[in-house]
Amino acid sequence: MRFVRMHVAQAFGPAVVAAGLLLGCGGAFAASAEKGKAAYVQNGCWQCHGTQGQGGIAGLKLAPDPIAAEAFTAFVRGSNRLMPPYQEAILSNDDLADIYAYLQSIPKPVDYKTIPLLNQ
């Protein structure tokens, strides 16, 4: 019996792991930062959150280091605060994933201490 279990694990183990990785990422492999930047602009996110998610008068800072993808999606879909909720009919799940990928792609700003002109 132990021999049979070992062969089953060897045969199906890699497939199960691969499926778990693909399904567990929630479409992260399909997300495009380039498409996300376009969707961010097209849907007006920049008007409150700034062109690079840096925050503004009306919107919070989104990048760099955005909140977890699940929390981001939940907030965008069900916001009851100043930001209107964006239902899937208005902003598709693919566009939302792309926007999140764009926010993740925004680099951290350079430390001002490393800029020679500012250290004179």
PDB file of N, CA and C in Angstrom:
ATOM      1  N   MET A   1       0.829  -1.195   0.000  1.00  0.00           N
ATOM      2  CA  MET A   1       0.000   0.000   0.000  1.00  0.00           C
ATOM      3  C   MET A   1       0.873   1.257   0.000  1.00  0.00           C
ATOM      4  N   ARG A   2       1.934   1.228   0.799  1.00  0.00           N
ATOM      5  CA  ARG A   2       2.848   2.380   0.864  1.00  0.00           C
ATOM      6  C   ARG A   2       3.480   2.629  -0.504  1.00  0.00           C
ATOM      7  N   PHE A   3       3.809   1.547  -1.206  1.00  0.00           N
ATOM      8  CA  PHE A   3       4.413   1.646  -2.522  1.00  0.00           C
ATOM      9  C   PHE A   3       3.465   2.334  -3.507  1.00  0.00           C
ATOM     10  N   VAL A   4       2.173   2.002  -3.458  1.00  0.00           N
ATOM     11  CA  VAL A   4       1.175   2.600  -4.343  1.00  0.00           C
ATOM     12  C   VAL A   4       1.037   4.091  -4.056  1.00  0.00           C
ATOM     13  N   ARG A   5       0.973   4.478  -2.763  1.00  0.00           N
ATOM     14  CA  ARG A   5       0.860   5.903  -2.406  1.00  0.00           C
ATOM     15  C   ARG A   5       2.050   6.700  -2.907  1.00  0.00           C
ATOM     16  N   MET A   6       3.227   6.100  -2.813  1.00  0.00           N
ATOM     17  CA  MET A   6       4.422   6.797  -3.253  1.00  0.00           C
ATOM     18  C   MET A   6       4.375   7.048  -4.763  1.00  0.00           C
ATOM     19  N   HIS A   7       3.921   6.075  -5.544  1.00  0.00           N
ATOM     20  CA  HIS A   7       3.830   6.253  -6.992  1.00  0.00           C
ATOM     21  C   HIS A   7       2.763   7.284  -7.363  1.00  0.00           C
ATOM     22  N   VAL A   8       1.649   7.292  -6.645  1.00  0.00           N
ATOM     23  CA  VAL A   8       0.597   8.281  -6.902  1.00  0.00           C
ATOM     24  C   VAL A   8       1.132   9.681  -6.625  1.00  0.00           C
ATOM     25  N   ALA A   9       1.844   9.846  -5.513  1.00  0.00           N
ATOM     26  CA  ALA A   9       2.413  11.149  -5.167  1.00  0.00           C
ATOM     27  C   ALA A   9       3.438  11.585  -6.201  1.00  0.00           C
ATOM     28  N   GLN A  10       4.253  10.653  -6.685  1.00  0.00           N
ATOM     29  CA  GLN A  10       5.243  10.993  -7.686  1.00  0.00           C
ATOM     30  C   GLN A  10       4.589  11.362  -9.018  1.00  0.00           C
ATOM     31  N   ALA A  11       3.498  10.684  -9.354  1.00  0.00           N
ATOM     32  CA  ALA A  11       2.837  10.932 -10.628  1.00  0.00           C
ATOM     33  C   ALA A  11       2.046  12.237 -10.631  1.00  0.00           C
ATOM     34  N   PHE A  12       1.336  12.487  -9.545  1.00  0.00           N
ATOM     35  CA  PHE A  12       0.453  13.640  -9.527  1.00  0.00           C
ATOM     36  C   PHE A  12       0.998  14.827  -8.742  1.00  0.00           C
ATOM     37  N   GLY A  13       2.020  14.620  -7.956  1.00  0.00           N
ATOM     38  CA  GLY A  13       2.566  15.691  -7.110  1.00  0.00           C
ATOM     39  C   GLY A  13       2.933  16.951  -7.883  1.00  0.00           C
ATOM     40  N   PRO A  14       3.756  16.857  -8.935  1.00  0.00           N
ATOM     41  CA  PRO A  14       4.130  18.071  -9.681  1.00  0.00           C
ATOM     42  C   PRO A  14       2.933  18.778 -10.316  1.00  0.00           C
ATOM     43  N   ALA A  15       1.954  18.002 -10.797  1.00  0.00           N
ATOM     44  CA  ALA A  15       0.768  18.621 -11.408  1.00  0.00           C
ATOM     45  C   ALA A  15      -0.052  19.370 -10.370  1.00  0.00           C
ATOM     46  N   VAL A  16      -0.173  18.785  -9.185  1.00  0.00           N
ATOM     47  CA  VAL A  16      -0.937  19.432  -8.119  1.00  0.00           C
ATOM     48  C   VAL A  16      -0.247  20.720  -7.687  1.00  0.00           C
ATOM     49  N   VAL A  17       1.067  20.668  -7.546  1.00  0.00           N
ATOM     50  CA  VAL A  17       1.824  21.866  -7.153  1.00  0.00           C
ATOM     51  C   VAL A  17       1.690  22.952  -8.220  1.00  0.00           C
ATOM     52  N   ALA A  18       1.829  22.588  -9.485  1.00  0.00           N
ATOM     53  CA  ALA A  18       1.711  23.567 -10.563  1.00  0.00           C
ATOM     54  C   ALA A  18       0.320  24.183 -10.613  1.00  0.00           C
ATOM     55  N   ALA A  19      -0.709  23.354 -10.463  1.00  0.00           N
ATOM     56  CA  ALA A  19      -2.081  23.874 -10.471  1.00  0.00           C
ATOM     57  C   ALA A  19      -2.298  24.814  -9.300  1.00  0.00           C
ATOM     58  N   GLY A  20      -1.770  24.460  -8.139  1.00  0.00           N
ATOM     59  CA  GLY A  20      -1.907  25.323  -6.968  1.00  0.00           C
ATOM     60  C   GLY A  20      -1.233  26.662  -7.173  1.00  0.00           C
ATOM     61  N   LEU A  21      -0.071  26.649  -7.794  1.00  0.00           N
ATOM     62  CA  LEU A  21       0.623  27.912  -8.052  1.00  0.00           C
ATOM     63  C   LEU A  21      -0.155  28.781  -9.043  1.00  0.00           C
ATOM     64  N   LEU A  22      -0.661  28.155 -10.091  1.00  0.00           N
ATOM     65  CA  LEU A  22      -1.404  28.926 -11.092  1.00  0.00           C
ATOM     66  C   LEU A  22      -2.720  29.459 -10.540  1.00  0.00           C
ATOM     67  N   LEU A  23      -3.461  28.629  -9.838  1.00  0.00           N
ATOM     68  CA  LEU A  23      -4.756  29.047  -9.318  1.00  0.00           C
ATOM     69  C   LEU A  23      -4.613  29.962  -8.112  1.00  0.00           C
ATOM     70  N   GLY A  24      -3.609  29.767  -7.325  1.00  0.00           N
ATOM     71  CA  GLY A  24      -3.412  30.570  -6.127  1.00  0.00           C
ATOM     72  C   GLY A  24      -2.978  31.984  -6.417  1.00  0.00           C
ATOM     73  N   CYS A  25      -2.450  32.234  -7.581  1.00  0.00           N
ATOM     74  CA  CYS A  25      -1.974  33.574  -7.908  1.00  0.00           C
ATOM     75  C   CYS A  25      -3.083  34.483  -8.386  1.00  0.00           C
ATOM     76  N   GLY A  26      -4.259  33.969  -8.591  1.00  0.00           N
ATOM     77  CA  GLY A  26      -5.400  34.797  -8.959  1.00  0.00           C
ATOM     78  C   GLY A  26      -5.202  35.622 -10.208  1.00  0.00           C
ATOM     79  N   GLY A  27      -4.550  35.070 -11.214  1.00  0.00           N
ATOM     80  CA  GLY A  27      -4.383  35.801 -12.458  1.00  0.00           C
ATOM     81  C   GLY A  27      -3.166  36.700 -12.479  1.00  0.00           C
ATOM     82  N   ALA A  28      -2.283  36.579 -11.500  1.00  0.00           N
ATOM     83  CA  ALA A  28      -1.122  37.453 -11.434  1.00  0.00           C
ATOM     84  C   ALA A  28      -0.231  37.281 -12.657  1.00  0.00           C
ATOM     85  N   PHE A  29      -0.222  36.091 -13.258  1.00  0.00           N
ATOM     86  CA  PHE A  29       0.618  35.870 -14.423  1.00  0.00           C
ATOM     87  C   PHE A  29       0.097  36.640 -15.635  1.00  0.00           C
ATOM     88  N   ALA A  30      -1.191  36.908 -15.684  1.00  0.00           N
ATOM     89  CA  ALA A  30      -1.786  37.575 -16.829  1.00  0.00           C
ATOM     90  C   ALA A  30      -1.738  39.095 -16.708  1.00  0.00           C
ATOM     91  N   ALA A  31      -1.458  39.620 -15.511  1.00  0.00           N
ATOM     92  CA  ALA A  31      -1.503  41.061 -15.294  1.00  0.00           C
ATOM     93  C   ALA A  31      -0.368  41.757 -16.034  1.00  0.00           C
ATOM     94  N   SER A  32      -0.672  42.925 -16.577  1.00  0.00           N
ATOM     95  CA  SER A  32       0.293  43.702 -17.342  1.00  0.00           C
ATOM     96  C   SER A  32       0.379  45.113 -16.770  1.00  0.00           C
ATOM     97  N   ALA A  33       1.578  45.504 -16.352  1.00  0.00           N
ATOM     98  CA  ALA A  33       1.780  46.850 -15.811  1.00  0.00           C
ATOM     99  C   ALA A  33       1.525  47.913 -16.885  1.00  0.00           C
ATOM    100  N   GLU A  34       1.893  47.594 -18.113  1.00  0.00           N
ATOM    101  CA  GLU A  34       1.684  48.547 -19.214  1.00  0.00           C
ATOM    102  C   GLU A  34       0.191  48.793 -19.456  1.00  0.00           C
ATOM    103  N   LYS A  35      -0.580  47.706 -19.511  1.00  0.00           N
ATOM    104  CA  LYS A  35      -2.029  47.847 -19.664  1.00  0.00           C
ATOM    105  C   LYS A  35      -2.632  48.504 -18.421  1.00  0.00           C
ATOM    106  N   GLY A  36      -2.058  48.197 -17.263  1.00  0.00           N
ATOM    107  CA  GLY A  36      -2.542  48.784 -16.014  1.00  0.00           C
ATOM    108  C   GLY A  36      -2.379  50.279 -15.967  1.00  0.00           C
ATOM    109  N   LYS A  37      -1.271  50.774 -16.505  1.00  0.00           N
ATOM    110  CA  LYS A  37      -1.052  52.227 -16.539  1.00  0.00           C
ATOM    111  C   LYS A  37      -2.119  52.888 -17.415  1.00  0.00           C
ATOM    112  N   ALA A  38      -2.409  52.268 -18.557  1.00  0.00           N
ATOM    113  CA  ALA A  38      -3.445  52.807 -19.449  1.00  0.00           C
ATOM    114  C   ALA A  38      -4.819  52.773 -18.763  1.00  0.00           C
ATOM    115  N   ALA A  39      -5.140  51.678 -18.086  1.00  0.00           N
ATOM    116  CA  ALA A  39      -6.431  51.569 -17.393  1.00  0.00           C
ATOM    117  C   ALA A  39      -6.506  52.548 -16.226  1.00  0.00           C
ATOM    118  N   TYR A  40      -5.398  52.773 -15.552  1.00  0.00           N
ATOM    119  CA  TYR A  40      -5.315  53.722 -14.429  1.00  0.00           C
ATOM    120  C   TYR A  40      -5.668  55.134 -14.914  1.00  0.00           C
ATOM    121  N   VAL A  41      -5.127  55.488 -16.069  1.00  0.00           N
ATOM    122  CA  VAL A  41      -5.410  56.806 -16.649  1.00  0.00           C
ATOM    123  C   VAL A  41      -6.832  56.856 -17.194  1.00  0.00           C
ATOM    124  N   GLN A  42      -7.229  55.844 -17.958  1.00  0.00           N
ATOM    125  CA  GLN A  42      -8.540  55.820 -18.603  1.00  0.00           C
ATOM    126  C   GLN A  42      -9.680  55.858 -17.590  1.00  0.00           C
ATOM    127  N   ASN A  43      -9.517  55.211 -16.456  1.00  0.00           N
ATOM    128  CA  ASN A  43     -10.579  55.159 -15.450  1.00  0.00           C
ATOM    129  C   ASN A  43     -10.507  56.308 -14.452  1.00  0.00           C
ATOM    130  N   GLY A  44      -9.572  57.221 -14.650  1.00  0.00           N
ATOM    131  CA  GLY A  44      -9.508  58.435 -13.838  1.00  0.00           C
ATOM    132  C   GLY A  44      -8.882  58.277 -12.463  1.00  0.00           C
ATOM    133  N   CYS A  45      -8.200  57.177 -12.210  1.00  0.00           N
ATOM    134  CA  CYS A  45      -7.572  56.963 -10.897  1.00  0.00           C
ATOM    135  C   CYS A  45      -6.567  58.073 -10.585  1.00  0.00           C
ATOM    136  N   TRP A  46      -5.879  58.537 -11.617  1.00  0.00           N
ATOM    137  CA  TRP A  46      -4.837  59.549 -11.457  1.00  0.00           C
ATOM    138  C   TRP A  46      -5.386  60.872 -10.926  1.00  0.00           C
ATOM    139  N   GLN A  47      -6.656  61.139 -11.166  1.00  0.00           N
ATOM    140  CA  GLN A  47      -7.224  62.428 -10.753  1.00  0.00           C
ATOM    141  C   GLN A  47      -7.177  62.616  -9.245  1.00  0.00           C
ATOM    142  N   CYS A  48      -7.328  61.549  -8.499  1.00  0.00           N
ATOM    143  CA  CYS A  48      -7.286  61.644  -7.029  1.00  0.00           C
ATOM    144  C   CYS A  48      -5.987  61.098  -6.442  1.00  0.00           C
ATOM    145  N   HIS A  49      -5.430  60.061  -7.076  1.00  0.00           N
ATOM    146  CA  HIS A  49      -4.276  59.373  -6.508  1.00  0.00           C
ATOM    147  C   HIS A  49      -2.947  59.778  -7.127  1.00  0.00           C
ATOM    148  N   GLY A  50      -2.950  60.716  -8.082  1.00  0.00           N
ATOM    149  CA  GLY A  50      -1.715  61.130  -8.734  1.00  0.00           C
ATOM    150  C   GLY A  50      -1.341  60.192  -9.859  1.00  0.00           C
ATOM    151  N   THR A  51      -0.497  60.670 -10.765  1.00  0.00           N
ATOM    152  CA  THR A  51      -0.155  59.898 -11.953  1.00  0.00           C
ATOM    153  C   THR A  51       0.642  58.642 -11.644  1.00  0.00           C
ATOM    154  N   GLN A  52       1.324  58.610 -10.499  1.00  0.00           N
ATOM    155  CA  GLN A  52       2.073  57.418 -10.116  1.00  0.00           C
ATOM    156  C   GLN A  52       1.619  56.880  -8.768  1.00  0.00           C
ATOM    157  N   GLY A  53       0.383  57.122  -8.430  1.00  0.00           N
ATOM    158  CA  GLY A  53      -0.162  56.592  -7.193  1.00  0.00           C
ATOM    159  C   GLY A  53       0.425  57.217  -5.943  1.00  0.00           C
ATOM    160  N   GLN A  54       1.022  58.403  -6.092  1.00  0.00           N
ATOM    161  CA  GLN A  54       1.708  59.043  -4.977  1.00  0.00           C
ATOM    162  C   GLN A  54       0.760  59.700  -3.985  1.00  0.00           C
ATOM    163  N   GLY A  55      -0.513  59.722  -4.305  1.00  0.00           N
ATOM    164  CA  GLY A  55      -1.496  60.363  -3.435  1.00  0.00           C
ATOM    165  C   GLY A  55      -1.696  61.810  -3.839  1.00  0.00           C
ATOM    166  N   GLY A  56      -2.797  62.365  -3.414  1.00  0.00           N
ATOM    167  CA  GLY A  56      -3.112  63.739  -3.756  1.00  0.00           C
ATOM    168  C   GLY A  56      -4.034  64.333  -2.724  1.00  0.00           C
ATOM    169  N   ILE A  57      -4.666  65.407  -3.091  1.00  0.00           N
ATOM    170  CA  ILE A  57      -5.563  66.089  -2.161  1.00  0.00           C
ATOM    171  C   ILE A  57      -6.753  65.196  -1.819  1.00  0.00           C
ATOM    172  N   ALA A  58      -7.313  64.512  -2.810  1.00  0.00           N
ATOM    173  CA  ALA A  58      -8.525  63.730  -2.583  1.00  0.00           C
ATOM    174  C   ALA A  58      -8.269  62.240  -2.390  1.00  0.00           C
ATOM    175  N   GLY A  59      -7.122  61.737  -2.838  1.00  0.00           N
ATOM    176  CA  GLY A  59      -6.888  60.296  -2.788  1.00  0.00           C
ATOM    177  C   GLY A  59      -5.645  59.919  -2.009  1.00  0.00           C
ATOM    178  N   LEU A  60      -5.682  58.731  -1.437  1.00  0.00           N
ATOM    179  CA  LEU A  60      -4.562  58.219  -0.664  1.00  0.00           C
ATOM    180  C   LEU A  60      -3.415  57.769  -1.560  1.00  0.00           C
ATOM    181  N   LYS A  61      -2.254  57.600  -0.970  1.00  0.00           N
ATOM    182  CA  LYS A  61      -1.074  57.070  -1.651  1.00  0.00           C
ATOM    183  C   LYS A  61      -1.314  55.593  -1.932  1.00  0.00           C
ATOM    184  N   LEU A  62      -1.081  55.175  -3.165  1.00  0.00           N
ATOM    185  CA  LEU A  62      -1.268  53.778  -3.554  1.00  0.00           C
ATOM    186  C   LEU A  62       0.048  53.067  -3.841  1.00  0.00           C
ATOM    187  N   ALA A  63       1.082  53.824  -4.213  1.00  0.00           N
ATOM    188  CA  ALA A  63       2.348  53.220  -4.613  1.00  0.00           C
ATOM    189  C   ALA A  63       3.498  54.104  -4.147  1.00  0.00           C
ATOM    190  N   PRO A  64       4.696  53.617  -4.035  1.00  0.00           N
ATOM    191  CA  PRO A  64       5.058  52.213  -4.205  1.00  0.00           C
ATOM    192  C   PRO A  64       4.567  51.380  -3.034  1.00  0.00           C
ATOM    193  N   ASP A  65       4.727  50.099  -3.141  1.00  0.00           N
ATOM    194  CA  ASP A  65       4.284  49.149  -2.118  1.00  0.00           C
ATOM    195  C   ASP A  65       2.787  49.233  -1.850  1.00  0.00           C
ATOM    196  N   PRO A  66       1.967  48.882  -2.857  1.00  0.00           N
ATOM    197  CA  PRO A  66       0.516  48.892  -2.624  1.00  0.00           C
ATOM    198  C   PRO A  66       0.115  47.842  -1.589  1.00  0.00           C
ATOM    199  N   ILE A  67      -1.074  48.013  -1.036  1.00  0.00           N
ATOM    200  CA  ILE A  67      -1.587  47.030  -0.076  1.00  0.00           C
ATOM    201  C   ILE A  67      -1.764  45.691  -0.795  1.00  0.00           C
ATOM    202  N   ALA A  68      -2.040  44.643  -0.052  1.00  0.00           N
ATOM    203  CA  ALA A  68      -2.216  43.307  -0.636  1.00  0.00           C
ATOM    204  C   ALA A  68      -3.300  43.333  -1.717  1.00  0.00           C
ATOM    205  N   ALA A  69      -3.125  42.511  -2.731  1.00  0.00           N
ATOM    206  CA  ALA A  69      -4.040  42.490  -3.876  1.00  0.00           C
ATOM    207  C   ALA A  69      -5.488  42.237  -3.457  1.00  0.00           C
ATOM    208  N   GLU A  70      -5.692  41.328  -2.509  1.00  0.00           N
ATOM    209  CA  GLU A  70      -7.054  41.009  -2.079  1.00  0.00           C
ATOM    210  C   GLU A  70      -7.696  42.219  -1.398  1.00  0.00           C
ATOM    211  N   ALA A  71      -6.944  42.906  -0.558  1.00  0.00           N
ATOM    212  CA  ALA A  71      -7.464  44.096   0.125  1.00  0.00           C
ATOM    213  C   ALA A  71      -7.720  45.217  -0.871  1.00  0.00           C
ATOM    214  N   PHE A  72      -6.836  45.366  -1.845  1.00  0.00           N
ATOM    215  CA  PHE A  72      -6.991  46.376  -2.885  1.00  0.00           C
ATOM    216  C   PHE A  72      -8.277  46.142  -3.673  1.00  0.00           C
ATOM    217  N   THR A  73      -8.464  44.904  -4.109  1.00  0.00           N
ATOM    218  CA  THR A  73      -9.663  44.552  -4.877  1.00  0.00           C
ATOM    219  C   THR A  73     -10.924  44.762  -4.052  1.00  0.00           C
ATOM    220  N   ALA A  74     -10.899  44.318  -2.806  1.00  0.00           N
ATOM    221  CA  ALA A  74     -12.072  44.473  -1.936  1.00  0.00           C
ATOM    222  C   ALA A  74     -12.415  45.939  -1.739  1.00  0.00           C
ATOM    223  N   PHE A  75     -11.403  46.779  -1.575  1.00  0.00           N
ATOM    224  CA  PHE A  75     -11.669  48.198  -1.364  1.00  0.00           C
ATOM    225  C   PHE A  75     -12.227  48.848  -2.630  1.00  0.00           C
ATOM    226  N   VAL A  76     -11.622  48.558  -3.769  1.00  0.00           N
ATOM    227  CA  VAL A  76     -12.084  49.149  -5.033  1.00  0.00           C
ATOM    228  C   VAL A  76     -13.512  48.715  -5.334  1.00  0.00           C
ATOM    229  N   ARG A  77     -13.828  47.458  -5.073  1.00  0.00           N
ATOM    230  CA  ARG A  77     -15.164  46.939  -5.367  1.00  0.00           C
ATOM    231  C   ARG A  77     -16.219  47.394  -4.360  1.00  0.00           C
ATOM    232  N   GLY A  78     -15.846  47.585  -3.109  1.00  0.00           N
ATOM    233  CA  GLY A  78     -16.865  47.849  -2.096  1.00  0.00           C
ATOM    234  C   GLY A  78     -16.640  49.089  -1.259  1.00  0.00           C
ATOM    235  N   SER A  79     -15.924  50.054  -1.782  1.00  0.00           N
ATOM    236  CA  SER A  79     -15.648  51.261  -1.017  1.00  0.00           C
ATOM    237  C   SER A  79     -16.945  51.976  -0.660  1.00  0.00           C
ATOM    238  N   ASN A  80     -17.044  52.397   0.573  1.00  0.00           N
ATOM    239  CA  ASN A  80     -18.208  53.184   0.988  1.00  0.00           C
ATOM    240  C   ASN A  80     -17.758  54.532   1.540  1.00  0.00           C
ATOM    241  N   ARG A  81     -16.573  54.905   1.160  1.00  0.00           N
ATOM    242  CA  ARG A  81     -16.011  56.172   1.626  1.00  0.00           C
ATOM    243  C   ARG A  81     -16.118  57.205   0.515  1.00  0.00           C
ATOM    244  N   LEU A  82     -15.161  58.100   0.451  1.00  0.00           N
ATOM    245  CA  LEU A  82     -15.193  59.152  -0.563  1.00  0.00           C
ATOM    246  C   LEU A  82     -15.046  58.609  -1.982  1.00  0.00           C
ATOM    247  N   MET A  83     -14.346  57.491  -2.125  1.00  0.00           N
ATOM    248  CA  MET A  83     -14.154  56.901  -3.453  1.00  0.00           C
ATOM    249  C   MET A  83     -15.379  56.061  -3.813  1.00  0.00           C
ATOM    250  N   PRO A  84     -15.925  56.257  -5.001  1.00  0.00           N
ATOM    251  CA  PRO A  84     -17.069  55.417  -5.397  1.00  0.00           C
ATOM    252  C   PRO A  84     -16.606  53.986  -5.663  1.00  0.00           C
ATOM    253  N   PRO A  85     -17.445  53.004  -5.376  1.00  0.00           N
ATOM    254  CA  PRO A  85     -17.062  51.622  -5.681  1.00  0.00           C
ATOM    255  C   PRO A  85     -17.079  51.392  -7.193  1.00  0.00           C
ATOM    256  N   TYR A  86     -16.110  50.651  -7.669  1.00  0.00           N
ATOM    257  CA  TYR A  86     -16.019  50.312  -9.087  1.00  0.00           C
ATOM    258  C   TYR A  86     -16.423  48.854  -9.246  1.00  0.00           C
ATOM    259  N   GLN A  87     -17.662  48.617  -9.658  1.00  0.00           N
ATOM    260  CA  GLN A  87     -18.156  47.260  -9.870  1.00  0.00           C
ATOM    261  C   GLN A  87     -17.520  46.680 -11.132  1.00  0.00           C
ATOM    262  N   GLU A  88     -17.609  45.371 -11.275  1.00  0.00           N
ATOM    263  CA  GLU A  88     -16.978  44.683 -12.399  1.00  0.00           C
ATOM    264  C   GLU A  88     -17.523  45.150 -13.751  1.00  0.00           C
ATOM    265  N   ALA A  89     -18.770  45.600 -13.787  1.00  0.00           N
ATOM    266  CA  ALA A  89     -19.346  46.103 -15.035  1.00  0.00           C
ATOM    267  C   ALA A  89     -18.648  47.385 -15.499  1.00  0.00           C
ATOM    268  N   ILE A  90     -18.055  48.114 -14.578  1.00  0.00           N
ATOM    269  CA  ILE A  90     -17.366  49.368 -14.902  1.00  0.00           C
ATOM    270  C   ILE A  90     -15.869  49.137 -15.077  1.00  0.00           C
ATOM    271  N   LEU A  91     -15.286  48.332 -14.183  1.00  0.00           N
ATOM    272  CA  LEU A  91     -13.846  48.050 -14.198  1.00  0.00           C
ATOM    273  C   LEU A  91     -13.678  46.533 -14.088  1.00  0.00           C
ATOM    274  N   SER A  92     -13.273  45.908 -15.186  1.00  0.00           N
ATOM    275  CA  SER A  92     -13.180  44.444 -15.209  1.00  0.00           C
ATOM    276  C   SER A  92     -12.115  43.938 -14.237  1.00  0.00           C
ATOM    277  N   ASN A  93     -12.221  42.665 -13.892  1.00  0.00           N
ATOM    278  CA  ASN A  93     -11.218  42.052 -13.027  1.00  0.00           C
ATOM    279  C   ASN A  93      -9.839  42.073 -13.667  1.00  0.00           C
ATOM    280  N   ASP A  94      -9.791  41.888 -14.993  1.00  0.00           N
ATOM    281  CA  ASP A  94      -8.506  41.939 -15.699  1.00  0.00           C
ATOM    282  C   ASP A  94      -7.899  43.339 -15.619  1.00  0.00           C
ATOM    283  N   ASP A  95      -8.721  44.369 -15.834  1.00  0.00           N
ATOM    284  CA  ASP A  95      -8.218  45.744 -15.734  1.00  0.00           C
ATOM    285  C   ASP A  95      -7.751  46.051 -14.314  1.00  0.00           C
ATOM    286  N   LEU A  96      -8.484  45.570 -13.332  1.00  0.00           N
ATOM    287  CA  LEU A  96      -8.116  45.805 -11.938  1.00  0.00           C
ATOM    288  C   LEU A  96      -6.791  45.116 -11.617  1.00  0.00           C
ATOM    289  N   ALA A  97      -6.603  43.893 -12.117  1.00  0.00           N
ATOM    290  CA  ALA A  97      -5.338  43.178 -11.917  1.00  0.00           C
ATOM    291  C   ALA A  97      -4.201  43.916 -12.611  1.00  0.00           C
ATOM    292  N   ASP A  98      -4.464  44.460 -13.797  1.00  0.00           N
ATOM    293  CA  ASP A  98      -3.446  45.224 -14.514  1.00  0.00           C
ATOM    294  C   ASP A  98      -3.090  46.510 -13.770  1.00  0.00           C
ATOM    295  N   ILE A  99      -4.075  47.181 -13.226  1.00  0.00           N
ATOM    296  CA  ILE A  99      -3.820  48.392 -12.442  1.00  0.00           C
ATOM    297  C   ILE A  99      -2.963  48.052 -11.232  1.00  0.00           C
ATOM    298  N   TYR A 100      -3.265  46.948 -10.580  1.00  0.00           N
ATOM    299  CA  TYR A 100      -2.471  46.533  -9.426  1.00  0.00           C
ATOM    300  C   TYR A 100      -1.032  46.237  -9.859  1.00  0.00           C
ATOM    301  N   ALA A 101      -0.866  45.580 -11.005  1.00  0.00           N
ATOM    302  CA  ALA A 101       0.479  45.298 -11.523  1.00  0.00           C
ATOM    303  C   ALA A 101       1.220  46.612 -11.812  1.00  0.00           C
ATOM    304  N   TYR A 102       0.511  47.605 -12.348  1.00  0.00           N
ATOM    305  CA  TYR A 102       1.124  48.914 -12.591  1.00  0.00           C
ATOM    306  C   TYR A 102       1.592  49.538 -11.276  1.00  0.00           C
ATOM    307  N   LEU A 103       0.740  49.505 -10.258  1.00  0.00           N
ATOM    308  CA  LEU A 103       1.111  50.082  -8.963  1.00  0.00           C
ATOM    309  C   LEU A 103       2.319  49.364  -8.364  1.00  0.00           C
ATOM    310  N   GLN A 104       2.388  48.044  -8.548  1.00  0.00           N
ATOM    311  CA  GLN A 104       3.531  47.285  -8.061  1.00  0.00           C
ATOM    312  C   GLN A 104       4.808  47.620  -8.821  1.00  0.00           C
ATOM    313  N   SER A 105       4.674  48.037 -10.075  1.00  0.00           N
ATOM    314  CA  SER A 105       5.850  48.307 -10.911  1.00  0.00           C
ATOM    315  C   SER A 105       6.476  49.673 -10.624  1.00  0.00           C
ATOM    316  N   ILE A 106       5.783  50.524  -9.918  1.00  0.00           N
ATOM    317  CA  ILE A 106       6.305  51.861  -9.649  1.00  0.00           C
ATOM    318  C   ILE A 106       7.437  51.750  -8.632  1.00  0.00           C
ATOM    319  N   PRO A 107       8.628  52.232  -9.008  1.00  0.00           N
ATOM    320  CA  PRO A 107       9.776  52.092  -8.106  1.00  0.00           C
ATOM    321  C   PRO A 107       9.698  53.064  -6.932  1.00  0.00           C
ATOM    322  N   LYS A 108      10.398  52.698  -5.865  1.00  0.00           N
ATOM    323  CA  LYS A 108      10.497  53.594  -4.719  1.00  0.00           C
ATOM    324  C   LYS A 108      11.325  54.803  -5.130  1.00  0.00           C
ATOM    325  N   PRO A 109      11.039  55.977  -4.562  1.00  0.00           N
ATOM    326  CA  PRO A 109      11.845  57.142  -4.907  1.00  0.00           C
ATOM    327  C   PRO A 109      13.272  56.997  -4.387  1.00  0.00           C
ATOM    328  N   VAL A 110      14.159  57.709  -5.011  1.00  0.00           N
ATOM    329  CA  VAL A 110      15.557  57.708  -4.600  1.00  0.00           C
ATOM    330  C   VAL A 110      15.674  58.385  -3.241  1.00  0.00           C
ATOM    331  N   ASP A 111      16.513  57.839  -2.369  1.00  0.00           N
ATOM    332  CA  ASP A 111      16.751  58.451  -1.063  1.00  0.00           C
ATOM    333  C   ASP A 111      17.449  59.793  -1.276  1.00  0.00           C
ATOM    334  N   TYR A 112      16.894  60.844  -0.732  1.00  0.00           N
ATOM    335  CA  TYR A 112      17.444  62.185  -0.949  1.00  0.00           C
ATOM    336  C   TYR A 112      18.885  62.298  -0.457  1.00  0.00           C
ATOM    337  N   LYS A 113      19.283  61.452   0.466  1.00  0.00           N
ATOM    338  CA  LYS A 113      20.641  61.503   0.998  1.00  0.00           C
ATOM    339  C   LYS A 113      21.680  61.058  -0.029  1.00  0.00           C
ATOM    340  N   THR A 114      21.227  60.366  -1.080  1.00  0.00           N
ATOM    341  CA  THR A 114      22.147  59.900  -2.110  1.00  0.00           C
ATOM    342  C   THR A 114      22.285  60.877  -3.266  1.00  0.00           C
ATOM    343  N   ILE A 115      21.592  62.017  -3.199  1.00  0.00           N
ATOM    344  CA  ILE A 115      21.664  63.021  -4.257  1.00  0.00           C
ATOM    345  C   ILE A 115      22.716  64.068  -3.850  1.00  0.00           C
ATOM    346  N   PRO A 116      23.851  64.121  -4.557  1.00  0.00           N
ATOM    347  CA  PRO A 116      24.947  65.001  -4.156  1.00  0.00           C
ATOM    348  C   PRO A 116      24.539  66.471  -3.996  1.00  0.00           C
ATOM    349  N   LEU A 117      23.762  66.987  -4.903  1.00  0.00           N
ATOM    350  CA  LEU A 117      23.366  68.393  -4.855  1.00  0.00           C
ATOM    351  C   LEU A 117      22.620  68.726  -3.563  1.00  0.00           C
ATOM    352  N   LEU A 118      21.862  67.792  -3.044  1.00  0.00           N
ATOM    353  CA  LEU A 118      21.102  68.027  -1.819  1.00  0.00           C
ATOM    354  C   LEU A 118      21.931  67.885  -0.548  1.00  0.00           C
ATOM    355  N   ASN A 119      23.150  67.402  -0.714  1.00  0.00           N
ATOM    356  CA  ASN A 119      24.014  67.197   0.450  1.00  0.00           C
ATOM    357  C   ASN A 119      25.111  68.257   0.569  1.00  0.00           C
ATOM    358  N   GLN A 120      25.004  69.337  -0.175  1.00  0.00           N
ATOM    359  CA  GLN A 120      26.013  70.402  -0.118  1.00  0.00           C
ATOM    360  C   GLN A 120      25.701  71.385   0.976  1.00  0.00           C
TER     361      GLN A 120
END
